[in-house]
């Protein structure tokens, strides 16, 4: 029996070590940064900064995200967008997760002086394999926003309404660090049937070395009823930069 234990103990220790390697970290951080600065005949400055912080405590999962886009052309501001979200998740079993979030957005050039959102719902992991992830979400929320009636003026109008929420996220991993991801979110206004928003983001991340990777993303934001007639319904943004992860 002593010999059997001496043979089994190293195996158990090795299995424990491997399991510890695969276990998710209690704290994970990812930062993104992209910068373009040109001087001479044309003066252009464009900055995009973002972060994603994940905290795990027992069965709870908390995620904080932030994004900033800032741009100037020949000294004139032409882009200034800020977005932040805090989300909490708790597993309910059978691949079902309950979630709740609070979000903030500001984008003068899209006519948004301030937008606050709170939402709750359920997420289902339809696919959860080492290579692929597919998550479906559904829920409800509340939106409070203040929008500019004219992009050239500071006059604003405030409104508050309930929203529905449908979201899909698909991720395919080539390796642990290299992947493509597609996210889709549909937010209908439950008070006004003609008003809804759609957000779609395609992302490619390719590792350079260690903690660094190249990131390319294409974001499309559609607003069925923009704040003023002068604004278009669709904003498209292609960003490239460096991603740092810990």
Protein backbone atom coordinates (compact mmCIF):
# COMPACT_ATOMS: atom_id res chain seq x y z
CA UNK A 1 0.00 0.00 0.00
CA UNK A 2 2.91 2.32 0.81
CA UNK A 3 4.35 1.67 -2.63
CA UNK A 4 1.00 2.39 -4.26
CA UNK A 5 0.72 5.69 -2.40
CA UNK A 6 4.26 6.64 -3.41
CA UNK A 7 3.34 6.06 -7.06
CA UNK A 8 -0.03 7.80 -6.85
CA UNK A 9 1.15 10.90 -4.97
CA UNK A 10 3.29 12.36 -7.80
CA UNK A 11 0.43 11.78 -10.24
CA UNK A 12 -2.02 13.60 -7.99
CA UNK A 13 0.38 16.49 -7.51
CA UNK A 14 0.93 16.80 -11.27
CA UNK A 15 -2.81 16.74 -11.95
CA UNK A 16 -3.33 19.40 -9.29
CA UNK A 17 -0.65 21.61 -10.83
CA UNK A 18 -2.15 21.27 -14.31
CA UNK A 19 -5.61 22.08 -12.98
CA UNK A 20 -4.20 25.19 -11.28
CA UNK A 21 -2.71 26.32 -14.61
CA UNK A 22 -6.07 26.03 -16.35
CA UNK A 23 -8.03 27.69 -13.54
CA UNK A 24 -9.04 31.27 -14.36
CA UNK A 25 -7.11 34.03 -12.60
CA UNK A 26 -8.97 35.94 -9.86
CA UNK A 27 -7.90 39.23 -11.48
CA UNK A 28 -7.37 39.80 -15.20
CA UNK A 29 -6.57 43.08 -16.95
CA UNK A 30 -6.48 43.95 -20.64
CA UNK A 31 -5.57 47.39 -21.94
CA UNK A 32 -5.80 48.72 -25.51
CA UNK A 33 -4.11 51.77 -26.97
CA UNK A 34 -3.84 53.20 -30.48
CA UNK A 35 -2.32 56.52 -31.49
CA UNK A 36 -1.98 58.38 -34.79
CA UNK A 37 -0.25 61.76 -34.87
CA UNK A 38 0.66 63.52 -38.13
CA UNK A 39 2.23 66.97 -38.56
CA UNK A 40 3.11 69.02 -41.64
CA UNK A 41 0.65 69.67 -44.43
CA UNK A 42 -2.00 67.90 -42.37
CA UNK A 43 -2.28 67.89 -38.61
CA UNK A 44 -4.17 64.86 -37.37
CA UNK A 45 -4.30 63.37 -33.89
CA UNK A 46 -6.37 60.29 -33.13
CA UNK A 47 -6.32 58.35 -29.86
CA UNK A 48 -8.26 55.28 -28.81
CA UNK A 49 -7.81 53.88 -25.31
CA UNK A 50 -9.67 51.07 -23.60
CA UNK A 51 -9.48 48.61 -20.75
CA UNK A 52 -11.18 45.49 -19.47
CA UNK A 53 -10.84 44.44 -15.82
CA UNK A 54 -12.23 41.09 -14.64
CA UNK A 55 -12.58 40.20 -10.95
CA UNK A 56 -13.66 36.79 -9.64
CA UNK A 57 -14.90 36.30 -6.09
CA UNK A 58 -16.35 32.89 -5.33
CA UNK A 59 -19.06 32.31 -7.95
CA UNK A 60 -19.43 36.02 -8.70
CA UNK A 61 -17.81 37.57 -11.78
CA UNK A 62 -17.39 41.34 -12.14
CA UNK A 63 -16.31 43.01 -15.37
CA UNK A 64 -15.42 46.67 -15.87
CA UNK A 65 -14.85 48.10 -19.35
CA UNK A 66 -13.92 51.56 -20.58
CA UNK A 67 -13.36 53.08 -24.00
CA UNK A 68 -12.22 56.51 -25.18
CA UNK A 69 -11.93 57.83 -28.73
CA UNK A 70 -10.50 61.30 -29.26
CA UNK A 71 -9.61 62.97 -32.54
CA UNK A 72 -8.47 66.34 -33.93
CA UNK A 73 -7.95 67.41 -37.52
CA UNK A 74 -6.03 70.65 -38.19
CA UNK A 75 -6.66 71.72 -34.61
CA UNK A 76 -10.42 71.12 -34.74
CA UNK A 77 -12.01 68.49 -32.52
CA UNK A 78 -13.88 65.93 -34.64
CA UNK A 79 -14.23 62.92 -32.31
CA UNK A 80 -14.82 62.65 -28.58
CA UNK A 81 -16.53 59.50 -27.37
CA UNK A 82 -16.47 57.94 -23.89
CA UNK A 83 -18.10 54.73 -22.79
CA UNK A 84 -17.95 52.70 -19.56
CA UNK A 85 -19.78 49.67 -18.18
CA UNK A 86 -19.78 47.67 -14.95
CA UNK A 87 -21.32 44.19 -15.11
CA UNK A 88 -21.89 41.47 -12.53
CA UNK A 89 -22.65 37.79 -13.24
CA UNK A 90 -23.73 34.84 -11.12
CA UNK A 91 -24.11 31.28 -12.49
CA UNK A 92 -27.53 29.70 -12.17
CA UNK A 93 -26.67 26.21 -13.42
CA UNK A 94 -27.14 24.37 -16.74
CA UNK A 95 -24.96 26.97 -18.53
CA UNK A 96 -27.35 29.73 -17.43
CA UNK A 97 -25.95 32.92 -15.90
CA UNK A 98 -27.81 35.84 -14.36
CA UNK A 99 -26.35 39.25 -15.09
CA UNK A 100 -26.84 42.91 -14.26
CA UNK A 101 -25.02 45.98 -15.55
CA UNK A 102 -24.74 49.76 -15.36
CA UNK A 103 -23.41 51.73 -18.32
CA UNK A 104 -22.47 55.30 -19.22
CA UNK A 105 -21.93 56.86 -22.65
CA UNK A 106 -21.12 60.31 -23.97
CA UNK A 107 -20.61 61.21 -27.65
CA UNK A 108 -21.12 64.84 -28.69
CA UNK A 109 -20.73 64.10 -32.40
CA UNK A 110 -23.45 61.45 -32.25
CA UNK A 111 -25.74 63.85 -30.39
CA UNK A 112 -25.45 62.13 -26.99
CA UNK A 113 -24.76 64.52 -24.12
CA UNK A 114 -25.19 61.70 -21.59
CA UNK A 115 -26.69 58.24 -21.61
CA UNK A 116 -27.13 56.05 -18.51
CA UNK A 117 -28.28 52.45 -18.81
CA UNK A 118 -29.15 49.77 -16.27
CA UNK A 119 -30.06 46.23 -17.27
CA UNK A 120 -30.69 42.72 -15.96
CA UNK A 121 -31.18 39.40 -17.70
CA UNK A 122 -29.97 35.88 -18.39
CA UNK A 123 -27.12 34.52 -20.51
CA UNK A 124 -26.88 31.01 -21.96
CA UNK A 125 -23.58 29.43 -23.02
CA UNK A 126 -24.76 27.51 -26.08
CA UNK A 127 -21.20 26.46 -26.95
CA UNK A 128 -18.35 26.30 -24.44
CA UNK A 129 -15.46 24.32 -25.92
CA UNK A 130 -11.69 24.91 -25.91
CA UNK A 131 -11.93 26.32 -29.46
CA UNK A 132 -15.34 27.99 -29.63
CA UNK A 133 -17.66 30.03 -27.43
CA UNK A 134 -21.22 31.06 -28.22
CA UNK A 135 -23.26 33.05 -25.70
CA UNK A 136 -26.86 34.21 -26.08
CA UNK A 137 -28.35 36.89 -23.82
CA UNK A 138 -31.79 38.34 -23.20
CA UNK A 139 -33.13 40.84 -20.71
CA UNK A 140 -34.64 44.24 -19.95
CA UNK A 141 -33.30 47.60 -18.92
CA UNK A 142 -33.87 51.27 -18.31
CA UNK A 143 -32.30 54.14 -20.28
CA UNK A 144 -31.98 57.76 -19.20
CA UNK A 145 -30.43 59.99 -21.84
CA UNK A 146 -29.90 63.64 -22.59
CA UNK A 147 -29.40 64.40 -26.27
CA UNK A 148 -28.45 67.47 -28.30
CA UNK A 149 -31.30 68.77 -30.45
CA UNK A 150 -28.76 70.51 -32.72
CA UNK A 151 -25.10 69.38 -33.05
CA UNK A 152 -23.97 73.03 -33.15
CA UNK A 153 -25.94 74.13 -30.08
CA UNK A 154 -25.91 73.16 -26.41
CA UNK A 155 -29.70 72.85 -26.12
CA UNK A 156 -30.60 69.36 -24.90
CA UNK A 157 -33.66 67.23 -24.33
CA UNK A 158 -33.98 64.51 -21.68
CA UNK A 159 -35.97 61.29 -21.89
CA UNK A 160 -36.36 58.06 -19.97
CA UNK A 161 -37.68 54.75 -21.27
CA UNK A 162 -37.60 50.98 -20.78
CA UNK A 163 -35.69 48.80 -23.23
CA UNK A 164 -35.42 45.16 -24.19
CA UNK A 165 -32.05 43.56 -24.84
CA UNK A 166 -30.89 40.73 -27.09
CA UNK A 167 -27.19 39.97 -27.49
CA UNK A 168 -25.01 37.35 -29.15
CA UNK A 169 -21.27 36.81 -28.74
CA UNK A 170 -19.23 34.28 -30.74
CA UNK A 171 -15.53 33.66 -30.19
CA UNK A 172 -13.18 31.32 -32.07
CA UNK A 173 -9.73 30.65 -30.65
CA UNK A 174 -6.85 29.74 -32.94
CA UNK A 175 -4.64 29.51 -29.84
CA UNK A 176 -5.13 30.63 -26.22
CA UNK A 177 -4.02 34.16 -27.17
CA UNK A 178 -5.10 34.48 -30.83
CA UNK A 179 -8.81 34.69 -31.63
CA UNK A 180 -11.59 36.32 -33.59
CA UNK A 181 -14.78 37.53 -31.93
CA UNK A 182 -18.11 38.85 -33.15
CA UNK A 183 -20.57 40.63 -30.84
CA UNK A 184 -24.10 41.81 -31.61
CA UNK A 185 -26.53 43.75 -29.41
CA UNK A 186 -30.10 44.84 -30.17
CA UNK A 187 -31.84 47.36 -27.88
CA UNK A 188 -35.48 48.13 -28.73
CA UNK A 189 -37.31 51.00 -27.03
CA UNK A 190 -40.35 49.43 -25.32
CA UNK A 191 -42.08 52.82 -25.23
CA UNK A 192 -41.55 53.84 -28.86
CA UNK A 193 -41.59 50.99 -31.36
CA UNK A 194 -39.83 53.09 -34.02
CA UNK A 195 -36.81 53.65 -31.81
CA UNK A 196 -34.11 51.01 -31.48
CA UNK A 197 -30.32 50.72 -31.46
CA UNK A 198 -28.00 48.04 -32.84
CA UNK A 199 -24.31 47.57 -32.05
CA UNK A 200 -22.02 45.13 -33.84
CA UNK A 201 -18.30 44.62 -33.27
CA UNK A 202 -15.85 42.35 -35.12
CA UNK A 203 -12.48 41.80 -33.46
CA UNK A 204 -9.20 40.07 -34.31
CA UNK A 205 -6.43 39.65 -31.74
CA UNK A 206 -3.02 38.23 -32.68
CA UNK A 207 -0.23 37.87 -30.08
CA UNK A 208 3.13 39.53 -30.64
CA UNK A 209 4.93 38.20 -27.57
CA UNK A 210 4.24 37.46 -23.93
CA UNK A 211 1.65 39.98 -22.74
CA UNK A 212 1.42 41.98 -26.00
CA UNK A 213 -0.86 41.49 -29.00
CA UNK A 214 -2.11 43.35 -32.06
CA UNK A 215 -5.82 44.15 -32.05
CA UNK A 216 -8.03 45.15 -34.97
CA UNK A 217 -11.71 45.92 -34.42
CA UNK A 218 -14.56 47.18 -36.57
CA UNK A 219 -17.48 48.73 -34.68
CA UNK A 220 -20.86 49.59 -36.19
CA UNK A 221 -23.44 51.56 -34.16
CA UNK A 222 -26.92 52.08 -35.62
CA UNK A 223 -29.50 54.43 -34.13
CA UNK A 224 -32.94 54.21 -35.76
CA UNK A 225 -33.91 57.71 -34.54
CA UNK A 226 -30.81 59.93 -34.15
CA UNK A 227 -31.14 62.96 -31.84
CA UNK A 228 -31.34 65.45 -34.75
CA UNK A 229 -32.16 65.25 -38.50
CA UNK A 230 -28.63 66.40 -39.41
CA UNK A 231 -27.10 63.24 -37.96
CA UNK A 232 -26.76 59.98 -39.89
CA UNK A 233 -28.14 56.78 -38.39
CA UNK A 234 -24.96 54.69 -38.63
CA UNK A 235 -21.49 55.26 -37.15
CA UNK A 236 -18.61 53.01 -38.25
CA UNK A 237 -15.23 52.85 -36.57
CA UNK A 238 -12.15 50.85 -37.56
CA UNK A 239 -9.40 50.83 -34.92
CA UNK A 240 -5.99 49.16 -34.74
CA UNK A 241 -3.60 49.15 -31.83
CA UNK A 242 -1.67 47.21 -29.24
CA UNK A 243 -3.31 45.13 -26.52
CA UNK A 244 -1.61 44.44 -23.20
CA UNK A 245 -2.85 41.61 -20.94
CA UNK A 246 -2.04 40.43 -17.41
